[in-house]
Amino acid sequence: MSKKSRALKANNRNIRIVTGIVFGIVVLIMAWIIVRPGIFVMPPNAEYRDGVVIVYHSRGNDMGFIASPDSVCVSLQGTSSQACRDLVLSEFDAVLNRMVLSLPYNEWLYLRSTGGVTYE
């Protein structure tokens, strides 16, 4: 086998590898667009004593990628109050119905959702 034919085979193999990688990336991007995942961080409260992080599908346009009751309240009314949190929590079942994964509470994710502010 000549050097030229070996080089052509190696080149064809490289092209197939690059094409496979590009195809895989395109498939992942399409899946991300279709699924529109989100993360909802439920801080510790009376109902969820230890808190919980929910990864869910079909995130709406009104919720950020990482959201919490306090972050939703801040985006709606500029601040967080217990009445607003209770209202957001009443809609929490909709997130639970679209749950993909449940994880332990993570303070860093909560602070990420609120812009670094902790609400009581």
PDB file of N, CA and C in Angstrom:
ATOM      1  N   MET A   1       0.847  -1.175   0.000  1.00  0.00           N
ATOM      2  CA  MET A   1       0.000   0.000   0.000  1.00  0.00           C
ATOM      3  C   MET A   1       0.896   1.243   0.000  1.00  0.00           C
ATOM      4  N   SER A   2       0.589   2.178  -0.855  1.00  0.00           N
ATOM      5  CA  SER A   2       1.426   3.365  -0.986  1.00  0.00           C
ATOM      6  C   SER A   2       1.112   4.362   0.126  1.00  0.00           C
ATOM      7  N   LYS A   3       2.029   5.294   0.274  1.00  0.00           N
ATOM      8  CA  LYS A   3       1.843   6.350   1.276  1.00  0.00           C
ATOM      9  C   LYS A   3       0.607   7.176   0.963  1.00  0.00           C
ATOM     10  N   LYS A   4       0.363   7.379  -0.320  1.00  0.00           N
ATOM     11  CA  LYS A   4      -0.773   8.199  -0.741  1.00  0.00           C
ATOM     12  C   LYS A   4      -2.094   7.535  -0.369  1.00  0.00           C
ATOM     13  N   SER A   5      -2.235   6.221  -0.587  1.00  0.00           N
ATOM     14  CA  SER A   5      -3.487   5.534  -0.259  1.00  0.00           C
ATOM     15  C   SER A   5      -3.685   5.450   1.255  1.00  0.00           C
ATOM     16  N   ARG A   6      -2.600   5.286   2.029  1.00  0.00           N
ATOM     17  CA  ARG A   6      -2.724   5.287   3.494  1.00  0.00           C
ATOM     18  C   ARG A   6      -3.156   6.658   3.991  1.00  0.00           C
ATOM     19  N   ALA A   7      -2.620   7.683   3.398  1.00  0.00           N
ATOM     20  CA  ALA A   7      -2.994   9.044   3.783  1.00  0.00           C
ATOM     21  C   ALA A   7      -4.461   9.315   3.468  1.00  0.00           C
ATOM     22  N   LEU A   8      -4.934   8.830   2.305  1.00  0.00           N
ATOM     23  CA  LEU A   8      -6.343   9.005   1.941  1.00  0.00           C
ATOM     24  C   LEU A   8      -7.265   8.271   2.917  1.00  0.00           C
ATOM     25  N   LYS A   9      -6.906   7.042   3.306  1.00  0.00           N
ATOM     26  CA  LYS A   9      -7.724   6.292   4.259  1.00  0.00           C
ATOM     27  C   LYS A   9      -7.769   6.992   5.606  1.00  0.00           C
ATOM     28  N   ALA A  10      -6.625   7.504   6.061  1.00  0.00           N
ATOM     29  CA  ALA A  10      -6.578   8.225   7.336  1.00  0.00           C
ATOM     30  C   ALA A  10      -7.413   9.496   7.258  1.00  0.00           C
ATOM     31  N   ASN A  11      -7.343  10.163   6.120  1.00  0.00           N
ATOM     32  CA  ASN A  11      -8.116  11.384   5.930  1.00  0.00           C
ATOM     33  C   ASN A  11      -9.619  11.083   5.940  1.00  0.00           C
ATOM     34  N   ASN A  12     -10.033  10.010   5.245  1.00  0.00           N
ATOM     35  CA  ASN A  12     -11.449   9.618   5.233  1.00  0.00           C
ATOM     36  C   ASN A  12     -11.936   9.266   6.643  1.00  0.00           C
ATOM     37  N   ARG A  13     -11.099   8.583   7.403  1.00  0.00           N
ATOM     38  CA  ARG A  13     -11.464   8.212   8.767  1.00  0.00           C
ATOM     39  C   ARG A  13     -11.636   9.473   9.627  1.00  0.00           C
ATOM     40  N   ASN A  14     -10.745  10.440   9.464  1.00  0.00           N
ATOM     41  CA  ASN A  14     -10.835  11.692  10.211  1.00  0.00           C
ATOM     42  C   ASN A  14     -12.103  12.459   9.853  1.00  0.00           C
ATOM     43  N   ILE A  15     -12.435  12.448   8.567  1.00  0.00           N
ATOM     44  CA  ILE A  15     -13.657  13.134   8.125  1.00  0.00           C
ATOM     45  C   ILE A  15     -14.883  12.475   8.749  1.00  0.00           C
ATOM     46  N   ARG A  16     -14.914  11.150   8.813  1.00  0.00           N
ATOM     47  CA  ARG A  16     -16.044  10.433   9.433  1.00  0.00           C
ATOM     48  C   ARG A  16     -16.146  10.738  10.923  1.00  0.00           C
ATOM     49  N   ILE A  17     -15.015  10.813  11.586  1.00  0.00           N
ATOM     50  CA  ILE A  17     -15.018  11.128  13.024  1.00  0.00           C
ATOM     51  C   ILE A  17     -15.549  12.540  13.254  1.00  0.00           C
ATOM     52  N   VAL A  18     -15.063  13.513  12.508  1.00  0.00           N
ATOM     53  CA  VAL A  18     -15.512  14.898  12.650  1.00  0.00           C
ATOM     54  C   VAL A  18     -16.998  15.007  12.324  1.00  0.00           C
ATOM     55  N   THR A  19     -17.432  14.323  11.267  1.00  0.00           N
ATOM     56  CA  THR A  19     -18.856  14.347  10.895  1.00  0.00           C
ATOM     57  C   THR A  19     -19.701  13.754  12.013  1.00  0.00           C
ATOM     58  N   GLY A  20     -19.255  12.668  12.613  1.00  0.00           N
ATOM     59  CA  GLY A  20     -19.989  12.062  13.730  1.00  0.00           C
ATOM     60  C   GLY A  20     -20.083  12.983  14.932  1.00  0.00           C
ATOM     61  N   ILE A  21     -18.999  13.672  15.240  1.00  0.00           N
ATOM     62  CA  ILE A  21     -19.001  14.610  16.364  1.00  0.00           C
ATOM     63  C   ILE A  21     -19.946  15.774  16.096  1.00  0.00           C
ATOM     64  N   VAL A  22     -19.883  16.340  14.912  1.00  0.00           N
ATOM     65  CA  VAL A  22     -20.770  17.457  14.557  1.00  0.00           C
ATOM     66  C   VAL A  22     -22.231  17.005  14.606  1.00  0.00           C
ATOM     67  N   PHE A  23     -22.518  15.824  14.081  1.00  0.00           N
ATOM     68  CA  PHE A  23     -23.881  15.295  14.113  1.00  0.00           C
ATOM     69  C   PHE A  23     -24.351  15.125  15.563  1.00  0.00           C
ATOM     70  N   GLY A  24     -23.494  14.594  16.415  1.00  0.00           N
ATOM     71  CA  GLY A  24     -23.842  14.420  17.824  1.00  0.00           C
ATOM     72  C   GLY A  24     -24.139  15.741  18.506  1.00  0.00           C
ATOM     73  N   ILE A  25     -23.346  16.767  18.216  1.00  0.00           N
ATOM     74  CA  ILE A  25     -23.581  18.089  18.797  1.00  0.00           C
ATOM     75  C   ILE A  25     -24.901  18.663  18.321  1.00  0.00           C
ATOM     76  N   VAL A  26     -25.203  18.520  17.044  1.00  0.00           N
ATOM     77  CA  VAL A  26     -26.474  19.017  16.505  1.00  0.00           C
ATOM     78  C   VAL A  26     -27.654  18.303  17.164  1.00  0.00           C
ATOM     79  N   VAL A  27     -27.554  16.989  17.352  1.00  0.00           N
ATOM     80  CA  VAL A  27     -28.620  16.228  18.008  1.00  0.00           C
ATOM     81  C   VAL A  27     -28.815  16.710  19.442  1.00  0.00           C
ATOM     82  N   LEU A  28     -27.726  16.945  20.173  1.00  0.00           N
ATOM     83  CA  LEU A  28     -27.835  17.442  21.549  1.00  0.00           C
ATOM     84  C   LEU A  28     -28.483  18.820  21.607  1.00  0.00           C
ATOM     85  N   ILE A  29     -28.112  19.693  20.684  1.00  0.00           N
ATOM     86  CA  ILE A  29     -28.715  21.029  20.651  1.00  0.00           C
ATOM     87  C   ILE A  29     -30.212  20.933  20.352  1.00  0.00           C
ATOM     88  N   MET A  30     -30.591  20.098  19.404  1.00  0.00           N
ATOM     89  CA  MET A  30     -32.007  19.927  19.076  1.00  0.00           C
ATOM     90  C   MET A  30     -32.774  19.362  20.272  1.00  0.00           C
ATOM     91  N   ALA A  31     -32.199  18.383  20.954  1.00  0.00           N
ATOM     92  CA  ALA A  31     -32.859  17.813  22.139  1.00  0.00           C
ATOM     93  C   ALA A  31     -33.021  18.881  23.207  1.00  0.00           C
ATOM     94  N   TRP A  32     -32.009  19.717  23.402  1.00  0.00           N
ATOM     95  CA  TRP A  32     -32.081  20.793  24.393  1.00  0.00           C
ATOM     96  C   TRP A  32     -33.214  21.764  24.040  1.00  0.00           C
ATOM     97  N   ILE A  33     -33.338  22.107  22.772  1.00  0.00           N
ATOM     98  CA  ILE A  33     -34.387  23.042  22.334  1.00  0.00           C
ATOM     99  C   ILE A  33     -35.769  22.421  22.530  1.00  0.00           C
ATOM    100  N   ILE A  34     -35.913  21.155  22.216  1.00  0.00           N
ATOM    101  CA  ILE A  34     -37.211  20.497  22.340  1.00  0.00           C
ATOM    102  C   ILE A  34     -37.598  20.292  23.800  1.00  0.00           C
ATOM    103  N   VAL A  35     -36.670  19.834  24.619  1.00  0.00           N
ATOM    104  CA  VAL A  35     -36.971  19.504  26.016  1.00  0.00           C
ATOM    105  C   VAL A  35     -37.053  20.747  26.894  1.00  0.00           C
ATOM    106  N   ARG A  36     -36.262  21.764  26.650  1.00  0.00           N
ATOM    107  CA  ARG A  36     -36.203  22.991  27.456  1.00  0.00           C
ATOM    108  C   ARG A  36     -36.175  22.688  28.949  1.00  0.00           C
ATOM    109  N   PRO A  37     -35.093  22.072  29.416  1.00  0.00           N
ATOM    110  CA  PRO A  37     -35.032  21.715  30.831  1.00  0.00           C
ATOM    111  C   PRO A  37     -34.870  22.941  31.725  1.00  0.00           C
ATOM    112  N   GLY A  38     -35.176  22.762  32.987  1.00  0.00           N
ATOM    113  CA  GLY A  38     -35.009  23.808  33.977  1.00  0.00           C
ATOM    114  C   GLY A  38     -34.678  23.199  35.321  1.00  0.00           C
ATOM    115  N   ILE A  39     -34.222  24.040  36.230  1.00  0.00           N
ATOM    116  CA  ILE A  39     -33.897  23.615  37.587  1.00  0.00           C
ATOM    117  C   ILE A  39     -34.704  24.487  38.537  1.00  0.00           C
ATOM    118  N   PHE A  40     -35.486  23.854  39.401  1.00  0.00           N
ATOM    119  CA  PHE A  40     -36.260  24.589  40.399  1.00  0.00           C
ATOM    120  C   PHE A  40     -35.709  24.232  41.772  1.00  0.00           C
ATOM    121  N   VAL A  41     -35.271  25.239  42.502  1.00  0.00           N
ATOM    122  CA  VAL A  41     -34.656  25.048  43.812  1.00  0.00           C
ATOM    123  C   VAL A  41     -35.676  25.399  44.886  1.00  0.00           C
ATOM    124  N   MET A  42     -36.059  24.404  45.661  1.00  0.00           N
ATOM    125  CA  MET A  42     -36.994  24.624  46.768  1.00  0.00           C
ATOM    126  C   MET A  42     -36.184  24.695  48.056  1.00  0.00           C
ATOM    127  N   PRO A  43     -36.022  25.903  48.639  1.00  0.00           N
ATOM    128  CA  PRO A  43     -35.250  25.997  49.873  1.00  0.00           C
ATOM    129  C   PRO A  43     -35.987  25.311  51.024  1.00  0.00           C
ATOM    130  N   PRO A  44     -35.260  24.993  52.096  1.00  0.00           N
ATOM    131  CA  PRO A  44     -35.916  24.351  53.244  1.00  0.00           C
ATOM    132  C   PRO A  44     -37.079  25.195  53.758  1.00  0.00           C
ATOM    133  N   ASN A  45     -38.213  24.535  53.983  1.00  0.00           N
ATOM    134  CA  ASN A  45     -39.394  25.204  54.541  1.00  0.00           C
ATOM    135  C   ASN A  45     -40.199  24.169  55.327  1.00  0.00           C
ATOM    136  N   ALA A  46     -41.404  24.510  55.732  1.00  0.00           N
ATOM    137  CA  ALA A  46     -42.214  23.604  56.549  1.00  0.00           C
ATOM    138  C   ALA A  46     -42.540  22.302  55.813  1.00  0.00           C
ATOM    139  N   GLU A  47     -42.852  22.406  54.530  1.00  0.00           N
ATOM    140  CA  GLU A  47     -43.236  21.214  53.769  1.00  0.00           C
ATOM    141  C   GLU A  47     -42.024  20.397  53.311  1.00  0.00           C
ATOM    142  N   TYR A  48     -40.962  21.087  52.897  1.00  0.00           N
ATOM    143  CA  TYR A  48     -39.734  20.428  52.439  1.00  0.00           C
ATOM    144  C   TYR A  48     -38.629  20.803  53.430  1.00  0.00           C
ATOM    145  N   ARG A  49     -38.565  20.054  54.522  1.00  0.00           N
ATOM    146  CA  ARG A  49     -37.696  20.398  55.634  1.00  0.00           C
ATOM    147  C   ARG A  49     -36.228  20.541  55.229  1.00  0.00           C
ATOM    148  N   ASP A  50     -35.760  19.664  54.365  1.00  0.00           N
ATOM    149  CA  ASP A  50     -34.361  19.709  53.939  1.00  0.00           C
ATOM    150  C   ASP A  50     -34.163  20.428  52.616  1.00  0.00           C
ATOM    151  N   GLY A  51     -35.236  20.873  51.994  1.00  0.00           N
ATOM    152  CA  GLY A  51     -35.139  21.501  50.689  1.00  0.00           C
ATOM    153  C   GLY A  51     -34.946  20.447  49.604  1.00  0.00           C
ATOM    154  N   VAL A  52     -35.090  20.858  48.365  1.00  0.00           N
ATOM    155  CA  VAL A  52     -34.971  19.924  47.245  1.00  0.00           C
ATOM    156  C   VAL A  52     -34.643  20.709  45.974  1.00  0.00           C
ATOM    157  N   VAL A  53     -33.953  20.050  45.065  1.00  0.00           N
ATOM    158  CA  VAL A  53     -33.676  20.612  43.739  1.00  0.00           C
ATOM    159  C   VAL A  53     -34.364  19.697  42.729  1.00  0.00           C
ATOM    160  N   ILE A  54     -35.208  20.272  41.897  1.00  0.00           N
ATOM    161  CA  ILE A  54     -35.960  19.520  40.893  1.00  0.00           C
ATOM    162  C   ILE A  54     -35.456  19.903  39.504  1.00  0.00           C
ATOM    163  N   VAL A  55     -35.037  18.916  38.742  1.00  0.00           N
ATOM    164  CA  VAL A  55     -34.713  19.116  37.327  1.00  0.00           C
ATOM    165  C   VAL A  55     -35.953  18.687  36.567  1.00  0.00           C
ATOM    166  N   TYR A  56     -36.483  19.571  35.729  1.00  0.00           N
ATOM    167  CA  TYR A  56     -37.747  19.286  35.051  1.00  0.00           C
ATOM    168  C   TYR A  56     -37.657  19.658  33.574  1.00  0.00           C
ATOM    169  N   HIS A  57     -38.633  19.172  32.798  1.00  0.00           N
ATOM    170  CA  HIS A  57     -38.669  19.465  31.364  1.00  0.00           C
ATOM    171  C   HIS A  57     -39.788  20.458  31.066  1.00  0.00           C
ATOM    172  N   SER A  58     -39.761  21.001  29.886  1.00  0.00           N
ATOM    173  CA  SER A  58     -40.790  21.922  29.385  1.00  0.00           C
ATOM    174  C   SER A  58     -40.869  23.205  30.205  1.00  0.00           C
ATOM    175  N   ARG A  59     -39.715  23.817  30.419  1.00  0.00           N
ATOM    176  CA  ARG A  59     -39.665  25.088  31.149  1.00  0.00           C
ATOM    177  C   ARG A  59     -40.356  26.167  30.328  1.00  0.00           C
ATOM    178  N   GLY A  60     -41.183  26.944  30.981  1.00  0.00           N
ATOM    179  CA  GLY A  60     -41.882  28.034  30.300  1.00  0.00           C
ATOM    180  C   GLY A  60     -40.982  29.251  30.130  1.00  0.00           C
ATOM    181  N   ASN A  61     -41.418  30.188  29.328  1.00  0.00           N
ATOM    182  CA  ASN A  61     -40.641  31.397  29.076  1.00  0.00           C
ATOM    183  C   ASN A  61     -40.565  32.304  30.292  1.00  0.00           C
ATOM    184  N   ASP A  62     -41.515  32.153  31.230  1.00  0.00           N
ATOM    185  CA  ASP A  62     -41.559  33.027  32.392  1.00  0.00           C
ATOM    186  C   ASP A  62     -40.597  32.611  33.503  1.00  0.00           C
ATOM    187  N   MET A  63     -39.965  31.456  33.383  1.00  0.00           N
ATOM    188  CA  MET A  63     -39.047  30.973  34.414  1.00  0.00           C
ATOM    189  C   MET A  63     -37.632  30.940  33.854  1.00  0.00           C
ATOM    190  N   GLY A  64     -36.690  31.313  34.694  1.00  0.00           N
ATOM    191  CA  GLY A  64     -35.287  31.215  34.314  1.00  0.00           C
ATOM    192  C   GLY A  64     -34.840  29.764  34.314  1.00  0.00           C
ATOM    193  N   PHE A  65     -33.652  29.517  33.789  1.00  0.00           N
ATOM    194  CA  PHE A  65     -33.129  28.156  33.767  1.00  0.00           C
ATOM    195  C   PHE A  65     -33.000  27.618  35.189  1.00  0.00           C
ATOM    196  N   ILE A  66     -32.512  28.463  36.107  1.00  0.00           N
ATOM    197  CA  ILE A  66     -32.469  28.107  37.526  1.00  0.00           C
ATOM    198  C   ILE A  66     -33.433  29.047  38.231  1.00  0.00           C
ATOM    199  N   ALA A  67     -34.457  28.484  38.873  1.00  0.00           N
ATOM    200  CA  ALA A  67     -35.481  29.297  39.520  1.00  0.00           C
ATOM    201  C   ALA A  67     -35.745  28.783  40.929  1.00  0.00           C
ATOM    202  N   SER A  68     -36.314  29.650  41.743  1.00  0.00           N
ATOM    203  CA  SER A  68     -36.751  29.306  43.090  1.00  0.00           C
ATOM    204  C   SER A  68     -37.994  30.148  43.376  1.00  0.00           C
ATOM    205  N   PRO A  69     -38.747  29.836  44.435  1.00  0.00           N
ATOM    206  CA  PRO A  69     -39.910  30.670  44.731  1.00  0.00           C
ATOM    207  C   PRO A  69     -39.531  32.145  44.888  1.00  0.00           C
ATOM    208  N   ASP A  70     -38.404  32.407  45.547  1.00  0.00           N
ATOM    209  CA  ASP A  70     -37.984  33.791  45.750  1.00  0.00           C
ATOM    210  C   ASP A  70     -37.593  34.472  44.444  1.00  0.00           C
ATOM    211  N   SER A  71     -36.920  33.755  43.558  1.00  0.00           N
ATOM    212  CA  SER A  71     -36.523  34.375  42.289  1.00  0.00           C
ATOM    213  C   SER A  71     -37.741  34.681  41.416  1.00  0.00           C
ATOM    214  N   VAL A  72     -38.748  33.813  41.467  1.00  0.00           N
ATOM    215  CA  VAL A  72     -39.975  34.078  40.709  1.00  0.00           C
ATOM    216  C   VAL A  72     -40.673  35.312  41.276  1.00  0.00           C
ATOM    217  N   CYS A  73     -40.741  35.419  42.603  1.00  0.00           N
ATOM    218  CA  CYS A  73     -41.369  36.588  43.230  1.00  0.00           C
ATOM    219  C   CYS A  73     -40.634  37.875  42.876  1.00  0.00           C
ATOM    220  N   VAL A  74     -39.302  37.830  42.925  1.00  0.00           N
ATOM    221  CA  VAL A  74     -38.518  39.025  42.594  1.00  0.00           C
ATOM    222  C   VAL A  74     -38.750  39.436  41.146  1.00  0.00           C
ATOM    223  N   SER A  75     -38.846  38.465  40.248  1.00  0.00           N
ATOM    224  CA  SER A  75     -39.072  38.824  38.843  1.00  0.00           C
ATOM    225  C   SER A  75     -40.485  39.360  38.617  1.00  0.00           C
ATOM    226  N   LEU A  76     -41.446  38.928  39.437  1.00  0.00           N
ATOM    227  CA  LEU A  76     -42.824  39.392  39.274  1.00  0.00           C
ATOM    228  C   LEU A  76     -43.091  40.726  39.951  1.00  0.00           C
ATOM    229  N   GLN A  77     -42.576  40.891  41.189  1.00  0.00           N
ATOM    230  CA  GLN A  77     -42.943  42.089  41.945  1.00  0.00           C
ATOM    231  C   GLN A  77     -41.762  42.867  42.512  1.00  0.00           C
ATOM    232  N   GLY A  78     -40.552  42.461  42.195  1.00  0.00           N
ATOM    233  CA  GLY A  78     -39.392  43.221  42.629  1.00  0.00           C
ATOM    234  C   GLY A  78     -38.853  42.840  43.998  1.00  0.00           C
ATOM    235  N   THR A  79     -39.596  42.087  44.769  1.00  0.00           N
ATOM    236  CA  THR A  79     -39.155  41.617  46.080  1.00  0.00           C
ATOM    237  C   THR A  79     -39.842  40.303  46.394  1.00  0.00           C
ATOM    238  N   SER A  80     -39.425  39.673  47.469  1.00  0.00           N
ATOM    239  CA  SER A  80     -40.030  38.406  47.848  1.00  0.00           C
ATOM    240  C   SER A  80     -40.758  38.562  49.178  1.00  0.00           C
ATOM    241  N   SER A  81     -41.948  38.023  49.268  1.00  0.00           N
ATOM    242  CA  SER A  81     -42.726  38.047  50.506  1.00  0.00           C
ATOM    243  C   SER A  81     -43.301  36.653  50.732  1.00  0.00           C
ATOM    244  N   GLN A  82     -43.744  36.408  51.946  1.00  0.00           N
ATOM    245  CA  GLN A  82     -44.303  35.091  52.242  1.00  0.00           C
ATOM    246  C   GLN A  82     -45.561  34.835  51.415  1.00  0.00           C
ATOM    247  N   ALA A  83     -46.389  35.849  51.208  1.00  0.00           N
ATOM    248  CA  ALA A  83     -47.611  35.675  50.414  1.00  0.00           C
ATOM    249  C   ALA A  83     -47.267  35.281  48.972  1.00  0.00           C
ATOM    250  N   CYS A  84     -46.258  35.936  48.411  1.00  0.00           N
ATOM    251  CA  CYS A  84     -45.858  35.612  47.037  1.00  0.00           C
ATOM    252  C   CYS A  84     -45.269  34.213  46.975  1.00  0.00           C
ATOM    253  N   ARG A  85     -44.409  33.864  47.950  1.00  0.00           N
ATOM    254  CA  ARG A  85     -43.846  32.506  47.980  1.00  0.00           C
ATOM    255  C   ARG A  85     -44.944  31.461  48.047  1.00  0.00           C
ATOM    256  N   ASP A  86     -45.970  31.710  48.885  1.00  0.00           N
ATOM    257  CA  ASP A  86     -47.085  30.762  48.989  1.00  0.00           C
ATOM    258  C   ASP A  86     -47.811  30.615  47.658  1.00  0.00           C
ATOM    259  N   LEU A  87     -47.969  31.713  46.940  1.00  0.00           N
ATOM    260  CA  LEU A  87     -48.610  31.669  45.627  1.00  0.00           C
ATOM    261  C   LEU A  87     -47.773  30.848  44.639  1.00  0.00           C
ATOM    262  N   VAL A  88     -46.462  31.066  44.633  1.00  0.00           N
ATOM    263  CA  VAL A  88     -45.581  30.298  43.750  1.00  0.00           C
ATOM    264  C   VAL A  88     -45.616  28.824  44.133  1.00  0.00           C
ATOM    265  N   LEU A  89     -45.606  28.536  45.434  1.00  0.00           N
ATOM    266  CA  LEU A  89     -45.626  27.138  45.889  1.00  0.00           C
ATOM    267  C   LEU A  89     -46.927  26.440  45.512  1.00  0.00           C
ATOM    268  N   SER A  90     -48.014  27.194  45.391  1.00  0.00           N
ATOM    269  CA  SER A  90     -49.277  26.574  44.970  1.00  0.00           C
ATOM    270  C   SER A  90     -49.185  26.074  43.528  1.00  0.00           C
ATOM    271  N   GLU A  91     -48.278  26.646  42.751  1.00  0.00           N
ATOM    272  CA  GLU A  91     -48.058  26.214  41.366  1.00  0.00           C
ATOM    273  C   GLU A  91     -46.919  25.195  41.253  1.00  0.00           C
ATOM    274  N   PHE A  92     -46.303  24.834  42.381  1.00  0.00           N
ATOM    275  CA  PHE A  92     -45.155  23.927  42.385  1.00  0.00           C
ATOM    276  C   PHE A  92     -45.532  22.543  41.875  1.00  0.00           C
ATOM    277  N   ASP A  93     -46.790  22.128  42.020  1.00  0.00           N
ATOM    278  CA  ASP A  93     -47.231  20.825  41.511  1.00  0.00           C
ATOM    279  C   ASP A  93     -47.024  20.705  40.002  1.00  0.00           C
ATOM    280  N   ALA A  94     -47.172  21.815  39.294  1.00  0.00           N
ATOM    281  CA  ALA A  94     -46.956  21.786  37.843  1.00  0.00           C
ATOM    282  C   ALA A  94     -45.504  21.423  37.528  1.00  0.00           C
ATOM    283  N   VAL A  95     -44.570  21.904  38.337  1.00  0.00           N
ATOM    284  CA  VAL A  95     -43.159  21.555  38.155  1.00  0.00           C
ATOM    285  C   VAL A  95     -42.943  20.095  38.526  1.00  0.00           C
ATOM    286  N   LEU A  96     -43.548  19.662  39.618  1.00  0.00           N
ATOM    287  CA  LEU A  96     -43.394  18.263  40.051  1.00  0.00           C
ATOM    288  C   LEU A  96     -43.925  17.283  39.010  1.00  0.00           C
ATOM    289  N   ASN A  97     -44.969  17.652  38.295  1.00  0.00           N
ATOM    290  CA  ASN A  97     -45.526  16.784  37.259  1.00  0.00           C
ATOM    291  C   ASN A  97     -44.594  16.630  36.062  1.00  0.00           C
ATOM    292  N   ARG A  98     -43.655  17.565  35.904  1.00  0.00           N
ATOM    293  CA  ARG A  98     -42.703  17.501  34.789  1.00  0.00           C
ATOM    294  C   ARG A  98     -41.295  17.126  35.265  1.00  0.00           C
ATOM    295  N   MET A  99     -41.193  16.586  36.475  1.00  0.00           N
ATOM    296  CA  MET A  99     -39.903  16.279  37.079  1.00  0.00           C
ATOM    297  C   MET A  99     -39.172  15.171  36.315  1.00  0.00           C
ATOM    298  N   VAL A 100     -37.890  15.398  36.102  1.00  0.00           N
ATOM    299  CA  VAL A 100     -37.018  14.402  35.491  1.00  0.00           C
ATOM    300  C   VAL A 100     -36.119  13.791  36.559  1.00  0.00           C
ATOM    301  N   LEU A 101     -35.687  14.641  37.513  1.00  0.00           N
ATOM    302  CA  LEU A 101     -34.728  14.214  38.515  1.00  0.00           C
ATOM    303  C   LEU A 101     -34.903  15.052  39.767  1.00  0.00           C
ATOM    304  N   SER A 102     -34.799  14.415  40.927  1.00  0.00           N
ATOM    305  CA  SER A 102     -34.856  15.107  42.209  1.00  0.00           C
ATOM    306  C   SER A 102     -33.506  14.962  42.895  1.00  0.00           C
ATOM    307  N   LEU A 103     -32.968  16.085  43.358  1.00  0.00           N
ATOM    308  CA  LEU A 103     -31.653  16.106  43.982  1.00  0.00           C
ATOM    309  C   LEU A 103     -31.743  16.769  45.355  1.00  0.00           C
ATOM    310  N   PRO A 104     -30.755  16.559  46.217  1.00  0.00           N
ATOM    311  CA  PRO A 104     -30.751  17.258  47.502  1.00  0.00           C
ATOM    312  C   PRO A 104     -30.598  18.766  47.303  1.00  0.00           C
ATOM    313  N   TYR A 105     -31.065  19.518  48.280  1.00  0.00           N
ATOM    314  CA  TYR A 105     -30.977  20.983  48.231  1.00  0.00           C
ATOM    315  C   TYR A 105     -29.531  21.427  48.077  1.00  0.00           C
ATOM    316  N   ASN A 106     -29.324  22.483  47.292  1.00  0.00           N
ATOM    317  CA  ASN A 106     -28.002  23.031  47.046  1.00  0.00           C
ATOM    318  C   ASN A 106     -28.070  24.543  47.222  1.00  0.00           C
ATOM    319  N   GLU A 107     -27.406  25.043  48.244  1.00  0.00           N
ATOM    320  CA  GLU A 107     -27.418  26.482  48.553  1.00  0.00           C
ATOM    321  C   GLU A 107     -26.868  27.310  47.403  1.00  0.00           C
ATOM    322  N   TRP A 108     -25.813  26.813  46.731  1.00  0.00           N
ATOM    323  CA  TRP A 108     -25.227  27.563  45.625  1.00  0.00           C
ATOM    324  C   TRP A 108     -26.249  27.785  44.515  1.00  0.00           C
ATOM    325  N   LEU A 109     -27.047  26.763  44.186  1.00  0.00           N
ATOM    326  CA  LEU A 109     -28.079  26.922  43.151  1.00  0.00           C
ATOM    327  C   LEU A 109     -29.140  27.929  43.592  1.00  0.00           C
ATOM    328  N   TYR A 110     -29.521  27.876  44.877  1.00  0.00           N
ATOM    329  CA  TYR A 110     -30.507  28.843  45.382  1.00  0.00           C
ATOM    330  C   TYR A 110     -29.974  30.269  45.231  1.00  0.00           C
ATOM    331  N   LEU A 111     -28.742  30.492  45.666  1.00  0.00           N
ATOM    332  CA  LEU A 111     -28.154  31.828  45.552  1.00  0.00           C
ATOM    333  C   LEU A 111     -28.000  32.240  44.095  1.00  0.00           C
ATOM    334  N   ARG A 112     -27.720  31.296  43.226  1.00  0.00           N
ATOM    335  CA  ARG A 112     -27.631  31.584  41.783  1.00  0.00           C
ATOM    336  C   ARG A 112     -28.997  32.048  41.244  1.00  0.00           C
ATOM    337  N   SER A 113     -30.065  31.431  41.751  1.00  0.00           N
ATOM    338  CA  SER A 113     -31.407  31.797  41.273  1.00  0.00           C
ATOM    339  C   SER A 113     -31.835  33.179  41.752  1.00  0.00           C
ATOM    340  N   THR A 114     -31.349  33.598  42.928  1.00  0.00           N
ATOM    341  CA  THR A 114     -31.780  34.875  43.507  1.00  0.00           C
ATOM    342  C   THR A 114     -30.777  35.996  43.302  1.00  0.00           C
ATOM    343  N   GLY A 115     -29.726  35.722  42.573  1.00  0.00           N
ATOM    344  CA  GLY A 115     -28.710  36.750  42.365  1.00  0.00           C
ATOM    345  C   GLY A 115     -27.827  36.957  43.585  1.00  0.00           C
ATOM    346  N   GLY A 116     -27.704  35.938  44.427  1.00  0.00           N
ATOM    347  CA  GLY A 116     -26.840  36.006  45.597  1.00  0.00           C
ATOM    348  C   GLY A 116     -27.513  36.525  46.850  1.00  0.00           C
ATOM    349  N   VAL A 117     -28.816  36.743  46.806  1.00  0.00           N
ATOM    350  CA  VAL A 117     -29.566  37.266  47.955  1.00  0.00           C
ATOM    351  C   VAL A 117     -30.333  36.135  48.620  1.00  0.00           C
ATOM    352  N   THR A 118     -30.276  36.098  49.960  1.00  0.00           N
ATOM    353  CA  THR A 118     -31.050  35.116  50.724  1.00  0.00           C
ATOM    354  C   THR A 118     -32.272  35.824  51.305  1.00  0.00           C
ATOM    355  N   TYR A 119     -33.441  35.245  51.101  1.00  0.00           N
ATOM    356  CA  TYR A 119     -34.682  35.814  51.631  1.00  0.00           C
ATOM    357  C   TYR A 119     -35.168  34.948  52.779  1.00  0.00           C
ATOM    358  N   GLU A 120     -35.728  35.587  53.786  1.00  0.00           N
ATOM    359  CA  GLU A 120     -36.275  34.846  54.936  1.00  0.00           C
ATOM    360  C   GLU A 120     -37.764  34.725  54.823  1.00  0.00           C
TER     361      GLU A 120
END
